[in-house]
Amino acid sequence: MKLLFLVRHAKSSWDDPTLDDHERPLNERGLKNAPEMVYRLNAWQTGPQLILSSSALRAAQTAYFFSKGLSSEPRLETRSELYTESAFDLLDVIKDSSTQVDRLMVVCHNPAINDLVNMLGLHIDNMPTCGVAVFAFEVDCWQAVVSEQSEAIYFDYPKRKKKVFVMRDDE
């Protein structure tokens, strides 16, 4: 079984309009929300072994909070190809991941992450900033991941008072 953790970067700052989009940092709310989401995820279940982050500053900062705070002590890698608007680009990176990794986190951006979450069966209008969605796949390798085989098992975001667990229809 493979677990895929999808995280949208925390809230970013628009204080400096001269900054390139890629260089925008987290704002005060983002700096507060990321540790809170790490805390909530630690209370849930085993965390990721590996975090792949977009190279954009706001995503890298968010991923850093998760890498340093999760009890699973995941490795952190930055990937420029995750700075994309395409869910298919995200899926390509996921499918290219090592079979040795069973629990993978990807930290990236909208609209790509929102589109991927919807493709995988968690139908939401907008993936909130610092939102976390976890999907399970009954496969042995990431290359075998297909949307029809995904099961949404966890969804949470900073403005929720309680976590939402998505259960299968037959439960």
Protein backbone atom coordinates (compact mmCIF):
# COMPACT_ATOMS: atom_id res chain seq x y z
CA MET A 1 0.00 0.00 0.00
CA LYS A 2 1.12 3.55 -0.77
CA LEU A 3 0.01 6.68 1.08
CA LEU A 4 0.09 10.02 -0.71
CA PHE A 5 -0.01 13.21 1.38
CA LEU A 6 -0.90 16.28 -0.68
CA VAL A 7 -0.28 19.67 0.95
CA ARG A 8 -0.98 23.08 -0.47
CA HIS A 9 1.61 25.60 0.71
CA ALA A 10 0.61 27.79 3.67
CA LYS A 11 -0.64 31.36 3.19
CA SER A 12 1.89 33.52 1.37
CA SER A 13 2.73 37.17 1.62
CA TRP A 14 1.82 39.75 -1.00
CA ASP A 15 3.50 42.60 0.94
CA ASP A 16 6.15 43.18 -1.72
CA PRO A 17 4.50 43.41 -5.16
CA THR A 18 7.93 43.60 -6.82
CA LEU A 19 8.81 40.03 -5.79
CA ASP A 20 8.66 37.37 -8.44
CA ASP A 21 5.85 34.84 -7.69
CA HIS A 22 8.45 32.12 -7.14
CA GLU A 23 10.10 34.19 -4.37
CA ARG A 24 7.03 35.05 -2.25
CA PRO A 25 7.50 33.92 1.40
CA LEU A 26 4.91 32.81 3.92
CA ASN A 27 2.99 35.54 5.70
CA GLU A 28 2.28 35.69 9.45
CA ARG A 29 -0.79 33.45 9.14
CA GLY A 30 1.15 30.92 7.07
CA LEU A 31 3.94 30.84 9.64
CA LYS A 32 1.31 30.08 12.30
CA ASN A 33 -0.76 27.56 10.29
CA ALA A 34 2.09 25.31 9.14
CA PRO A 35 3.19 24.22 12.65
CA GLU A 36 -0.47 23.73 13.64
CA MET A 37 -1.03 21.38 10.69
CA VAL A 38 2.15 19.48 11.56
CA TYR A 39 0.81 19.05 15.11
CA ARG A 40 -2.55 17.76 13.83
CA LEU A 41 -0.96 15.38 11.35
CA ASN A 42 1.35 13.98 14.04
CA ALA A 43 -1.73 13.11 16.09
CA TRP A 44 -3.29 11.20 13.22
CA GLN A 45 -1.09 8.38 12.01
CA THR A 46 2.33 7.53 10.63
CA GLY A 47 3.63 10.42 8.56
CA PRO A 48 5.51 10.50 5.29
CA GLN A 49 8.99 9.11 4.73
CA LEU A 50 9.78 11.62 2.00
CA ILE A 51 8.57 15.14 1.28
CA LEU A 52 8.85 16.52 -2.25
CA SER A 53 8.40 20.27 -2.36
CA SER A 54 7.98 22.82 -5.09
CA SER A 55 11.01 25.06 -5.42
CA ALA A 56 8.90 28.18 -4.75
CA LEU A 57 9.87 29.79 -1.45
CA ARG A 58 6.40 29.57 0.15
CA ALA A 59 6.17 25.84 -0.61
CA ALA A 60 9.74 25.16 0.54
CA GLN A 61 9.06 27.00 3.82
CA THR A 62 5.87 24.99 4.37
CA ALA A 63 7.66 21.72 3.58
CA TYR A 64 10.45 22.64 5.99
CA PHE A 65 7.94 22.93 8.87
CA PHE A 66 6.62 19.45 8.03
CA SER A 67 10.08 17.91 7.64
CA LYS A 68 11.30 19.27 10.99
CA GLY A 69 8.08 18.74 12.94
CA LEU A 70 6.71 15.37 11.87
CA SER A 71 7.53 12.46 14.15
CA SER A 72 8.18 10.27 11.09
CA GLU A 73 11.31 12.42 10.41
CA PRO A 74 10.88 12.55 6.62
CA ARG A 75 13.63 13.51 4.19
CA LEU A 76 12.99 16.71 2.24
CA GLU A 77 13.73 17.22 -1.45
CA THR A 78 12.95 20.25 -3.60
CA ARG A 79 11.73 19.78 -7.17
CA SER A 80 11.36 22.61 -9.65
CA GLU A 81 8.86 20.57 -11.69
CA LEU A 82 6.36 20.85 -8.79
CA TYR A 83 6.11 24.60 -9.45
CA THR A 84 3.34 23.98 -11.95
CA GLU A 85 -0.32 24.57 -12.70
CA SER A 86 -0.81 21.03 -14.04
CA ALA A 87 -2.13 18.10 -12.01
CA PHE A 88 -0.63 15.82 -14.66
CA ASP A 89 2.85 17.25 -13.96
CA LEU A 90 2.32 16.48 -10.26
CA LEU A 91 1.20 12.95 -11.11
CA ASP A 92 4.31 12.45 -13.27
CA VAL A 93 6.56 13.37 -10.31
CA ILE A 94 4.59 11.07 -7.99
CA LYS A 95 4.75 8.16 -10.43
CA ASP A 96 8.49 8.69 -10.79
CA SER A 97 9.05 8.25 -7.04
CA SER A 98 11.02 5.36 -5.61
CA THR A 99 9.18 2.13 -4.89
CA GLN A 100 11.09 2.06 -1.58
CA VAL A 101 9.00 5.03 -0.37
CA ASP A 102 5.59 3.92 0.87
CA ARG A 103 4.48 7.26 2.36
CA LEU A 104 5.07 10.30 0.14
CA MET A 105 4.18 13.95 0.77
CA VAL A 106 4.00 16.50 -2.04
CA VAL A 107 3.87 20.22 -1.18
CA CYS A 108 2.79 22.42 -4.07
CA HIS A 109 0.29 24.94 -5.44
CA ASN A 110 -3.16 25.59 -6.79
CA PRO A 111 -4.64 25.00 -9.30
CA ALA A 112 -2.55 21.82 -9.78
CA ILE A 113 -3.08 20.41 -6.29
CA ASN A 114 -6.81 21.17 -6.32
CA ASP A 115 -7.18 19.46 -9.70
CA LEU A 116 -5.21 16.42 -8.51
CA VAL A 117 -7.22 16.12 -5.29
CA ASN A 118 -10.40 16.14 -7.36
CA MET A 119 -8.98 13.62 -9.85
CA LEU A 120 -8.23 11.31 -6.91
CA GLY A 121 -11.83 11.49 -5.71
CA LEU A 122 -11.99 14.12 -2.97
CA HIS A 123 -14.34 16.58 -4.62
CA ILE A 124 -13.74 20.04 -3.18
CA ASP A 125 -14.04 23.50 -4.67
CA ASN A 126 -10.70 24.76 -3.45
CA MET A 127 -7.80 23.15 -1.60
CA PRO A 128 -7.24 25.55 1.30
CA THR A 129 -3.80 26.96 2.03
CA CYS A 130 -1.90 24.52 4.25
CA GLY A 131 -4.64 21.95 3.62
CA VAL A 132 -3.64 18.29 3.86
CA ALA A 133 -5.33 15.47 1.94
CA VAL A 134 -4.18 11.87 2.22
CA PHE A 135 -4.96 9.13 -0.27
CA ALA A 136 -4.33 5.38 -0.04
CA PHE A 137 -3.51 3.19 -3.03
CA GLU A 138 -3.42 -0.61 -2.95
CA VAL A 139 -0.36 -0.80 -5.21
CA ASP A 140 3.27 -1.84 -4.81
CA CYS A 141 4.83 0.98 -6.82
CA TRP A 142 4.02 4.61 -7.52
CA GLN A 143 4.05 3.97 -11.27
CA ALA A 144 0.86 1.90 -10.77
CA VAL A 145 -1.05 4.76 -9.13
CA VAL A 146 -4.26 5.61 -10.97
CA SER A 147 -7.11 7.83 -9.83
CA GLU A 148 -9.68 5.03 -10.01
CA GLN A 149 -7.79 3.12 -7.30
CA SER A 150 -7.44 5.96 -4.81
CA GLU A 151 -9.18 6.15 -1.48
CA ALA A 152 -9.37 9.50 0.32
CA ILE A 153 -8.66 8.76 3.98
CA TYR A 154 -7.88 12.15 5.55
CA PHE A 155 -8.60 15.81 4.88
CA ASP A 156 -7.84 18.74 7.17
CA TYR A 157 -7.04 22.42 6.91
CA PRO A 158 -6.23 25.25 9.33
CA LYS A 159 -9.67 26.88 9.55
CA ARG A 160 -11.41 23.62 10.51
CA LYS A 161 -12.09 23.11 14.17
CA LYS A 162 -11.99 19.32 13.78
CA LYS A 163 -10.33 17.00 11.32
CA VAL A 164 -12.41 15.42 8.61
CA PHE A 165 -11.86 11.76 7.94
CA VAL A 166 -13.26 10.57 4.65
CA MET A 167 -14.62 7.07 4.97
CA ARG A 168 -15.40 4.58 2.23
CA ASP A 169 -19.06 4.39 1.17
CA ASP A 170 -19.42 0.86 2.57
CA GLU A 171 -18.45 1.86 6.14
